[in-house]
Amino acid sequence: MRKRLTHLGKRGEARMVDVGDKTPTERIAIAEGHVRMKKSTLALVRRGNAKKGDVLGAARLAGIMAAKRTHELIPLCHPLALSKVVVDLEPDRTGVKVQATVKVTGKTGVEMEALTAVSVACLTIYDMVKAVERGMQIENIRLIEKRGGKSGTYRAR
């Protein structure tokens, strides 16, 4: 079976996929990313007293809000009534690991919502502490797992 790009019409034009005939199923996606920073910047984040406030709290809320608005940011995404969005932020020895889990019972998956949550949470971390370090690196944003729907389960290696 040959794979095709579902967001392209027969003449190559962009189109929104018709999910009208699909049966709603539970769908879950988990994405992750990392913000690499200097130890001194990380210490500021861990203490929670950056000049702009609670970095991890702001990033968590930004990620949740972004997941809910993905359809407004990515042109061909469907608006979804998400049932769960969890954004976890874990400082490690080189920065902050960000992971988002998104769940819906619907006709299409939530991979883009999970990836958007991670991306915006990482950008928020950057924005909150860029005054002390502009050289931070946002790295390895990727889908690590998705479950549900016709294509079944995917897990990154």
N, C-alpha and C. Protein backbone atom coordinates (compact mmCIF):
# COMPACT_ATOMS: atom_id res chain seq x y z
N MET A 1 0.83 -1.18 0.00
CA MET A 1 0.00 0.00 0.00
C MET A 1 0.88 1.25 0.00
N ARG A 2 0.63 2.14 -0.92
CA ARG A 2 1.41 3.36 -1.05
C ARG A 2 0.84 4.46 -0.16
N LYS A 3 1.70 5.08 0.62
CA LYS A 3 1.28 6.19 1.49
C LYS A 3 1.12 7.45 0.65
N ARG A 4 0.17 8.29 1.06
CA ARG A 4 -0.02 9.56 0.37
C ARG A 4 -0.19 10.67 1.40
N LEU A 5 0.05 11.88 0.95
CA LEU A 5 -0.13 13.05 1.82
C LEU A 5 -1.61 13.41 1.83
N THR A 6 -2.23 13.26 2.99
CA THR A 6 -3.68 13.42 3.09
C THR A 6 -4.14 14.88 3.00
N HIS A 7 -3.24 15.83 3.20
CA HIS A 7 -3.61 17.23 3.14
C HIS A 7 -3.43 17.85 1.75
N LEU A 8 -3.19 16.99 0.75
CA LEU A 8 -3.06 17.48 -0.62
C LEU A 8 -4.15 16.87 -1.47
N GLY A 9 -4.80 17.72 -2.28
CA GLY A 9 -5.82 17.25 -3.21
C GLY A 9 -5.17 16.64 -4.44
N LYS A 10 -5.97 16.20 -5.38
CA LYS A 10 -5.47 15.53 -6.59
C LYS A 10 -4.56 16.42 -7.42
N ARG A 11 -4.77 17.74 -7.37
CA ARG A 11 -3.94 18.66 -8.15
C ARG A 11 -2.83 19.29 -7.30
N GLY A 12 -2.63 18.77 -6.09
CA GLY A 12 -1.57 19.27 -5.21
C GLY A 12 -1.96 20.45 -4.34
N GLU A 13 -3.24 20.80 -4.34
CA GLU A 13 -3.68 21.94 -3.53
C GLU A 13 -3.87 21.50 -2.07
N ALA A 14 -3.58 22.43 -1.16
CA ALA A 14 -3.77 22.15 0.26
C ALA A 14 -5.26 22.03 0.56
N ARG A 15 -5.60 21.07 1.42
CA ARG A 15 -7.00 20.88 1.78
C ARG A 15 -7.09 20.31 3.19
N MET A 16 -8.21 20.57 3.83
CA MET A 16 -8.47 19.99 5.14
C MET A 16 -9.05 18.59 4.91
N VAL A 17 -8.55 17.62 5.64
CA VAL A 17 -9.02 16.25 5.50
C VAL A 17 -10.46 16.13 6.00
N ASP A 18 -11.29 15.42 5.25
CA ASP A 18 -12.68 15.19 5.65
C ASP A 18 -12.71 14.02 6.63
N VAL A 19 -13.05 14.30 7.87
CA VAL A 19 -13.12 13.25 8.89
C VAL A 19 -14.57 12.94 9.26
N GLY A 20 -15.50 13.47 8.49
CA GLY A 20 -16.92 13.35 8.79
C GLY A 20 -17.44 11.94 8.95
N ASP A 21 -16.90 10.99 8.19
CA ASP A 21 -17.39 9.61 8.24
C ASP A 21 -16.65 8.74 9.25
N LYS A 22 -15.63 9.28 9.91
CA LYS A 22 -14.87 8.50 10.87
C LYS A 22 -15.65 8.30 12.16
N THR A 23 -15.39 7.19 12.82
CA THR A 23 -15.99 6.91 14.12
C THR A 23 -15.11 7.52 15.21
N PRO A 24 -15.70 8.26 16.13
CA PRO A 24 -14.90 8.82 17.23
C PRO A 24 -14.28 7.71 18.08
N THR A 25 -13.00 7.86 18.38
CA THR A 25 -12.29 6.94 19.26
C THR A 25 -11.41 7.77 20.21
N GLU A 26 -10.97 7.12 21.29
CA GLU A 26 -10.05 7.79 22.19
C GLU A 26 -8.69 7.88 21.52
N ARG A 27 -8.11 9.06 21.54
CA ARG A 27 -6.81 9.30 20.91
C ARG A 27 -5.93 10.06 21.89
N ILE A 28 -4.69 9.63 22.00
CA ILE A 28 -3.73 10.24 22.92
C ILE A 28 -2.43 10.46 22.17
N ALA A 29 -1.81 11.60 22.41
CA ALA A 29 -0.48 11.87 21.85
C ALA A 29 0.41 12.45 22.94
N ILE A 30 1.67 12.05 22.89
CA ILE A 30 2.68 12.56 23.84
C ILE A 30 3.85 13.09 23.02
N ALA A 31 4.23 14.32 23.31
CA ALA A 31 5.37 14.94 22.64
C ALA A 31 6.33 15.46 23.69
N GLU A 32 7.57 15.70 23.27
CA GLU A 32 8.55 16.22 24.21
C GLU A 32 9.50 17.18 23.50
N GLY A 33 10.20 17.95 24.30
CA GLY A 33 11.22 18.86 23.82
C GLY A 33 12.12 19.23 24.98
N HIS A 34 13.13 20.05 24.71
CA HIS A 34 14.09 20.40 25.75
C HIS A 34 14.60 21.81 25.50
N VAL A 35 14.77 22.57 26.58
CA VAL A 35 15.40 23.89 26.49
C VAL A 35 16.74 23.79 27.21
N ARG A 36 17.82 23.89 26.45
CA ARG A 36 19.18 23.83 27.00
C ARG A 36 19.61 25.23 27.42
N MET A 37 20.18 25.31 28.62
CA MET A 37 20.61 26.61 29.14
C MET A 37 21.80 26.46 30.07
N LYS A 38 22.43 27.58 30.39
CA LYS A 38 23.55 27.58 31.33
C LYS A 38 23.08 27.19 32.72
N LYS A 39 24.00 26.68 33.51
CA LYS A 39 23.66 26.28 34.89
C LYS A 39 23.14 27.46 35.70
N SER A 40 23.71 28.63 35.49
CA SER A 40 23.27 29.81 36.26
C SER A 40 21.82 30.19 35.89
N THR A 41 21.47 30.04 34.62
CA THR A 41 20.10 30.33 34.19
C THR A 41 19.15 29.28 34.76
N LEU A 42 19.57 28.04 34.72
CA LEU A 42 18.76 26.95 35.26
C LEU A 42 18.52 27.14 36.76
N ALA A 43 19.52 27.60 37.47
CA ALA A 43 19.37 27.85 38.91
C ALA A 43 18.29 28.91 39.15
N LEU A 44 18.26 29.93 38.31
CA LEU A 44 17.24 30.97 38.41
C LEU A 44 15.84 30.39 38.17
N VAL A 45 15.73 29.52 37.17
CA VAL A 45 14.45 28.86 36.86
C VAL A 45 14.01 27.98 38.04
N ARG A 46 14.95 27.21 38.57
CA ARG A 46 14.62 26.31 39.69
C ARG A 46 14.15 27.08 40.92
N ARG A 47 14.77 28.23 41.18
CA ARG A 47 14.38 29.03 42.35
C ARG A 47 13.01 29.67 42.17
N GLY A 48 12.58 29.83 40.94
CA GLY A 48 11.27 30.41 40.68
C GLY A 48 11.20 31.90 40.86
N ASN A 49 12.36 32.56 40.83
CA ASN A 49 12.34 34.01 41.06
C ASN A 49 12.96 34.79 39.90
N ALA A 50 12.66 34.37 38.68
CA ALA A 50 13.09 35.13 37.51
C ALA A 50 12.37 36.48 37.52
N LYS A 51 12.94 37.45 36.85
CA LYS A 51 12.38 38.80 36.83
C LYS A 51 10.92 38.83 36.38
N LYS A 52 10.57 37.96 35.42
CA LYS A 52 9.19 37.93 34.91
C LYS A 52 8.28 37.03 35.73
N GLY A 53 8.81 36.31 36.72
CA GLY A 53 7.97 35.48 37.58
C GLY A 53 8.29 34.00 37.47
N ASP A 54 7.31 33.18 37.76
CA ASP A 54 7.43 31.72 37.80
C ASP A 54 7.53 31.17 36.38
N VAL A 55 8.73 30.86 35.95
CA VAL A 55 8.99 30.41 34.58
C VAL A 55 8.24 29.12 34.27
N LEU A 56 8.35 28.13 35.13
CA LEU A 56 7.74 26.83 34.85
C LEU A 56 6.21 26.91 34.89
N GLY A 57 5.67 27.68 35.80
CA GLY A 57 4.22 27.85 35.87
C GLY A 57 3.68 28.53 34.62
N ALA A 58 4.36 29.58 34.19
CA ALA A 58 3.92 30.30 32.99
C ALA A 58 4.03 29.40 31.76
N ALA A 59 5.11 28.63 31.66
CA ALA A 59 5.31 27.74 30.51
C ALA A 59 4.25 26.64 30.48
N ARG A 60 3.91 26.12 31.65
CA ARG A 60 2.87 25.07 31.73
C ARG A 60 1.54 25.61 31.21
N LEU A 61 1.13 26.77 31.69
CA LEU A 61 -0.13 27.37 31.24
C LEU A 61 -0.09 27.71 29.75
N ALA A 62 1.02 28.23 29.27
CA ALA A 62 1.14 28.57 27.85
C ALA A 62 1.00 27.32 26.98
N GLY A 63 1.61 26.22 27.41
CA GLY A 63 1.50 24.97 26.66
C GLY A 63 0.07 24.46 26.60
N ILE A 64 -0.62 24.53 27.71
CA ILE A 64 -2.03 24.09 27.75
C ILE A 64 -2.88 24.97 26.83
N MET A 65 -2.70 26.27 26.94
CA MET A 65 -3.46 27.18 26.09
C MET A 65 -3.16 26.94 24.61
N ALA A 66 -1.91 26.70 24.28
CA ALA A 66 -1.52 26.47 22.89
C ALA A 66 -2.17 25.22 22.32
N ALA A 67 -2.20 24.14 23.12
CA ALA A 67 -2.83 22.90 22.65
C ALA A 67 -4.28 23.16 22.28
N LYS A 68 -4.98 23.96 23.10
CA LYS A 68 -6.39 24.23 22.86
C LYS A 68 -6.63 25.11 21.63
N ARG A 69 -5.59 25.82 21.19
CA ARG A 69 -5.74 26.74 20.06
C ARG A 69 -4.95 26.32 18.82
N THR A 70 -4.53 25.08 18.78
CA THR A 70 -3.72 24.60 17.66
C THR A 70 -4.38 24.85 16.32
N HIS A 71 -5.67 24.62 16.24
CA HIS A 71 -6.38 24.82 14.97
C HIS A 71 -6.33 26.26 14.48
N GLU A 72 -6.06 27.21 15.38
CA GLU A 72 -5.94 28.61 14.97
C GLU A 72 -4.54 28.93 14.48
N LEU A 73 -3.58 28.08 14.80
CA LEU A 73 -2.18 28.33 14.44
C LEU A 73 -1.72 27.54 13.22
N ILE A 74 -2.24 26.34 13.07
CA ILE A 74 -1.84 25.46 11.97
C ILE A 74 -3.04 25.33 11.04
N PRO A 75 -2.92 25.85 9.83
CA PRO A 75 -4.08 26.06 8.97
C PRO A 75 -5.00 24.86 8.71
N LEU A 76 -4.49 23.67 8.62
CA LEU A 76 -5.34 22.54 8.22
C LEU A 76 -5.73 21.63 9.38
N CYS A 77 -5.48 22.07 10.61
CA CYS A 77 -5.89 21.29 11.78
C CYS A 77 -7.36 21.53 12.09
N HIS A 78 -8.03 20.47 12.54
CA HIS A 78 -9.43 20.57 12.94
C HIS A 78 -9.52 21.13 14.36
N PRO A 79 -10.55 21.93 14.64
CA PRO A 79 -10.78 22.32 16.04
C PRO A 79 -11.27 21.10 16.81
N LEU A 80 -10.71 20.87 17.98
CA LEU A 80 -11.03 19.67 18.77
C LEU A 80 -11.45 20.06 20.18
N ALA A 81 -12.38 19.29 20.73
CA ALA A 81 -12.78 19.46 22.13
C ALA A 81 -11.89 18.54 22.98
N LEU A 82 -10.74 19.04 23.35
CA LEU A 82 -9.77 18.23 24.08
C LEU A 82 -10.31 17.87 25.46
N SER A 83 -10.08 16.63 25.87
CA SER A 83 -10.54 16.20 27.19
C SER A 83 -9.43 16.26 28.23
N LYS A 84 -8.17 16.34 27.78
CA LYS A 84 -7.05 16.38 28.72
C LYS A 84 -5.84 17.00 28.04
N VAL A 85 -5.19 17.91 28.76
CA VAL A 85 -3.89 18.43 28.35
C VAL A 85 -3.05 18.53 29.60
N VAL A 86 -1.94 17.81 29.62
CA VAL A 86 -1.00 17.87 30.74
C VAL A 86 0.35 18.28 30.19
N VAL A 87 0.94 19.33 30.76
CA VAL A 87 2.27 19.77 30.37
C VAL A 87 3.17 19.63 31.59
N ASP A 88 4.14 18.74 31.48
CA ASP A 88 5.10 18.52 32.56
C ASP A 88 6.42 19.17 32.21
N LEU A 89 7.01 19.88 33.17
CA LEU A 89 8.30 20.53 32.98
C LEU A 89 9.23 20.02 34.06
N GLU A 90 10.34 19.46 33.65
CA GLU A 90 11.27 18.84 34.59
C GLU A 90 12.67 19.39 34.37
N PRO A 91 13.15 20.22 35.30
CA PRO A 91 14.55 20.65 35.18
C PRO A 91 15.48 19.44 35.29
N ASP A 92 16.48 19.41 34.42
CA ASP A 92 17.50 18.35 34.49
C ASP A 92 18.86 19.04 34.57
N ARG A 93 19.94 18.34 34.35
CA ARG A 93 21.25 18.95 34.55
C ARG A 93 21.64 19.95 33.47
N THR A 94 20.96 19.94 32.30
CA THR A 94 21.32 20.84 31.20
C THR A 94 20.24 21.83 30.83
N GLY A 95 19.09 21.77 31.50
CA GLY A 95 18.01 22.69 31.15
C GLY A 95 16.68 22.18 31.66
N VAL A 96 15.65 22.31 30.82
CA VAL A 96 14.31 21.90 31.22
C VAL A 96 13.73 20.99 30.14
N LYS A 97 13.32 19.79 30.57
CA LYS A 97 12.62 18.86 29.68
C LYS A 97 11.13 19.20 29.75
N VAL A 98 10.50 19.26 28.59
CA VAL A 98 9.08 19.58 28.49
C VAL A 98 8.37 18.39 27.85
N GLN A 99 7.29 17.94 28.45
CA GLN A 99 6.50 16.85 27.88
C GLN A 99 5.02 17.21 27.96
N ALA A 100 4.31 16.97 26.87
CA ALA A 100 2.87 17.24 26.83
C ALA A 100 2.13 15.97 26.46
N THR A 101 1.05 15.72 27.18
CA THR A 101 0.13 14.62 26.88
C THR A 101 -1.22 15.23 26.58
N VAL A 102 -1.78 14.87 25.43
CA VAL A 102 -3.06 15.42 25.01
C VAL A 102 -3.99 14.26 24.68
N LYS A 103 -5.26 14.40 25.09
CA LYS A 103 -6.24 13.34 24.90
C LYS A 103 -7.54 13.92 24.35
N VAL A 104 -8.19 13.16 23.49
CA VAL A 104 -9.49 13.53 22.94
C VAL A 104 -10.25 12.25 22.61
N THR A 105 -11.55 12.31 22.64
CA THR A 105 -12.36 11.28 22.01
C THR A 105 -12.94 11.97 20.78
N GLY A 106 -12.44 11.57 19.63
CA GLY A 106 -12.82 12.29 18.42
C GLY A 106 -12.49 11.52 17.16
N LYS A 107 -12.58 12.23 16.05
CA LYS A 107 -12.42 11.64 14.73
C LYS A 107 -11.04 11.85 14.13
N THR A 108 -10.20 12.60 14.82
CA THR A 108 -8.85 12.84 14.33
C THR A 108 -7.89 12.92 15.52
N GLY A 109 -6.61 12.70 15.26
CA GLY A 109 -5.62 12.62 16.32
C GLY A 109 -5.20 13.95 16.88
N VAL A 110 -4.40 13.88 17.94
CA VAL A 110 -3.98 15.08 18.67
C VAL A 110 -2.46 15.26 18.68
N GLU A 111 -1.79 14.70 17.67
CA GLU A 111 -0.34 14.84 17.59
C GLU A 111 0.06 16.31 17.49
N MET A 112 -0.63 17.06 16.64
CA MET A 112 -0.27 18.47 16.45
C MET A 112 -0.51 19.28 17.71
N GLU A 113 -1.54 18.93 18.45
CA GLU A 113 -1.82 19.63 19.70
C GLU A 113 -0.72 19.37 20.72
N ALA A 114 -0.24 18.14 20.81
CA ALA A 114 0.86 17.83 21.74
C ALA A 114 2.15 18.52 21.33
N LEU A 115 2.45 18.51 20.03
CA LEU A 115 3.66 19.17 19.54
C LEU A 115 3.58 20.69 19.72
N THR A 116 2.41 21.26 19.52
CA THR A 116 2.23 22.70 19.70
C THR A 116 2.38 23.07 21.17
N ALA A 117 1.82 22.25 22.06
CA ALA A 117 1.95 22.51 23.50
C ALA A 117 3.42 22.55 23.91
N VAL A 118 4.18 21.58 23.45
CA VAL A 118 5.62 21.53 23.79
C VAL A 118 6.35 22.73 23.21
N SER A 119 6.08 23.04 21.95
CA SER A 119 6.77 24.15 21.29
C SER A 119 6.52 25.46 22.01
N VAL A 120 5.28 25.74 22.34
CA VAL A 120 4.95 27.01 22.99
C VAL A 120 5.47 27.05 24.43
N ALA A 121 5.44 25.92 25.13
CA ALA A 121 6.01 25.89 26.48
C ALA A 121 7.52 26.19 26.42
N CYS A 122 8.21 25.60 25.45
CA CYS A 122 9.65 25.87 25.30
C CYS A 122 9.90 27.33 24.95
N LEU A 123 9.11 27.89 24.06
CA LEU A 123 9.26 29.30 23.70
C LEU A 123 8.98 30.21 24.89
N THR A 124 8.05 29.82 25.73
CA THR A 124 7.73 30.62 26.92
C THR A 124 8.90 30.60 27.89
N ILE A 125 9.51 29.44 28.08
CA ILE A 125 10.71 29.38 28.93
C ILE A 125 11.76 30.33 28.40
N TYR A 126 11.99 30.26 27.09
CA TYR A 126 12.98 31.15 26.47
C TYR A 126 12.62 32.62 26.74
N ASP A 127 11.38 32.98 26.50
CA ASP A 127 10.95 34.36 26.68
C ASP A 127 11.12 34.83 28.12
N MET A 128 10.82 33.96 29.06
CA MET A 128 10.86 34.35 30.48
C MET A 128 12.27 34.64 30.98
N VAL A 129 13.30 34.00 30.40
CA VAL A 129 14.67 34.19 30.92
C VAL A 129 15.66 34.68 29.87
N LYS A 130 15.18 35.12 28.73
CA LYS A 130 16.09 35.59 27.68
C LYS A 130 16.90 36.80 28.12
N ALA A 131 16.42 37.54 29.09
CA ALA A 131 17.16 38.72 29.58
C ALA A 131 18.50 38.31 30.20
N VAL A 132 18.58 37.09 30.73
CA VAL A 132 19.84 36.65 31.34
C VAL A 132 20.62 35.70 30.43
N GLU A 133 19.95 35.11 29.43
CA GLU A 133 20.68 34.22 28.50
C GLU A 133 19.93 34.14 27.16
N ARG A 134 20.53 34.72 26.16
CA ARG A 134 19.93 34.67 24.82
C ARG A 134 20.39 33.44 24.04
N GLY A 135 21.41 32.75 24.52
CA GLY A 135 21.96 31.60 23.81
C GLY A 135 21.30 30.27 24.13
N MET A 136 20.17 30.29 24.82
CA MET A 136 19.47 29.03 25.10
C MET A 136 19.12 28.34 23.78
N GLN A 137 19.02 27.02 23.83
CA GLN A 137 18.67 26.25 22.64
C GLN A 137 17.43 25.42 22.89
N ILE A 138 16.47 25.54 21.99
CA ILE A 138 15.27 24.70 22.03
C ILE A 138 15.57 23.51 21.13
N GLU A 139 15.47 22.29 21.71
CA GLU A 139 15.96 21.10 21.01
C GLU A 139 14.95 19.96 21.03
N ASN A 140 15.10 19.11 20.03
CA ASN A 140 14.48 17.78 20.01
C ASN A 140 12.98 17.75 20.25
N ILE A 141 12.26 18.70 19.68
CA ILE A 141 10.81 18.64 19.78
C ILE A 141 10.35 17.52 18.85
N ARG A 142 9.63 16.56 19.44
CA ARG A 142 9.23 15.39 18.65
C ARG A 142 8.04 14.68 19.27
N LEU A 143 7.35 13.94 18.44
CA LEU A 143 6.28 13.07 18.90
C LEU A 143 6.93 11.81 19.45
N ILE A 144 6.59 11.43 20.67
CA ILE A 144 7.17 10.21 21.21
C ILE A 144 6.17 9.06 21.26
N GLU A 145 4.87 9.39 21.24
CA GLU A 145 3.87 8.32 21.24
C GLU A 145 2.53 8.87 20.79
N LYS A 146 1.79 8.03 20.07
CA LYS A 146 0.39 8.32 19.76
C LYS A 146 -0.37 7.01 19.76
N ARG A 147 -1.60 7.10 20.29
CA ARG A 147 -2.45 5.91 20.37
C ARG A 147 -3.84 6.26 19.86
N GLY A 148 -4.48 5.28 19.28
CA GLY A 148 -5.85 5.44 18.83
C GLY A 148 -5.94 5.74 17.35
N GLY A 149 -7.17 5.62 16.85
CA GLY A 149 -7.42 5.88 15.44
C GLY A 149 -7.05 4.72 14.55
N LYS A 150 -7.29 4.89 13.28
CA LYS A 150 -7.09 3.86 12.27
C LYS A 150 -5.63 3.38 12.19
N SER A 151 -4.69 4.31 12.36
CA SER A 151 -3.27 3.94 12.20
C SER A 151 -2.69 3.30 13.45
N GLY A 152 -3.44 3.22 14.55
CA GLY A 152 -2.99 2.49 15.73
C GLY A 152 -1.96 3.24 16.56
N THR A 153 -1.02 2.49 17.09
CA THR A 153 -0.04 3.03 18.03
C THR A 153 1.29 3.30 17.35
N TYR A 154 1.90 4.42 17.73
CA TYR A 154 3.24 4.77 17.29
C TYR A 154 4.06 5.10 18.53
N ARG A 155 5.26 4.59 18.59
CA ARG A 155 6.21 4.95 19.66
C ARG A 155 7.55 5.24 19.03
N ALA A 156 8.15 6.37 19.40
CA ALA A 156 9.48 6.72 18.90
C ALA A 156 10.49 5.74 19.46
N ARG A 157 11.52 5.58 18.74
CA ARG A 157 12.60 4.67 19.20
C ARG A 157 13.55 5.39 20.08
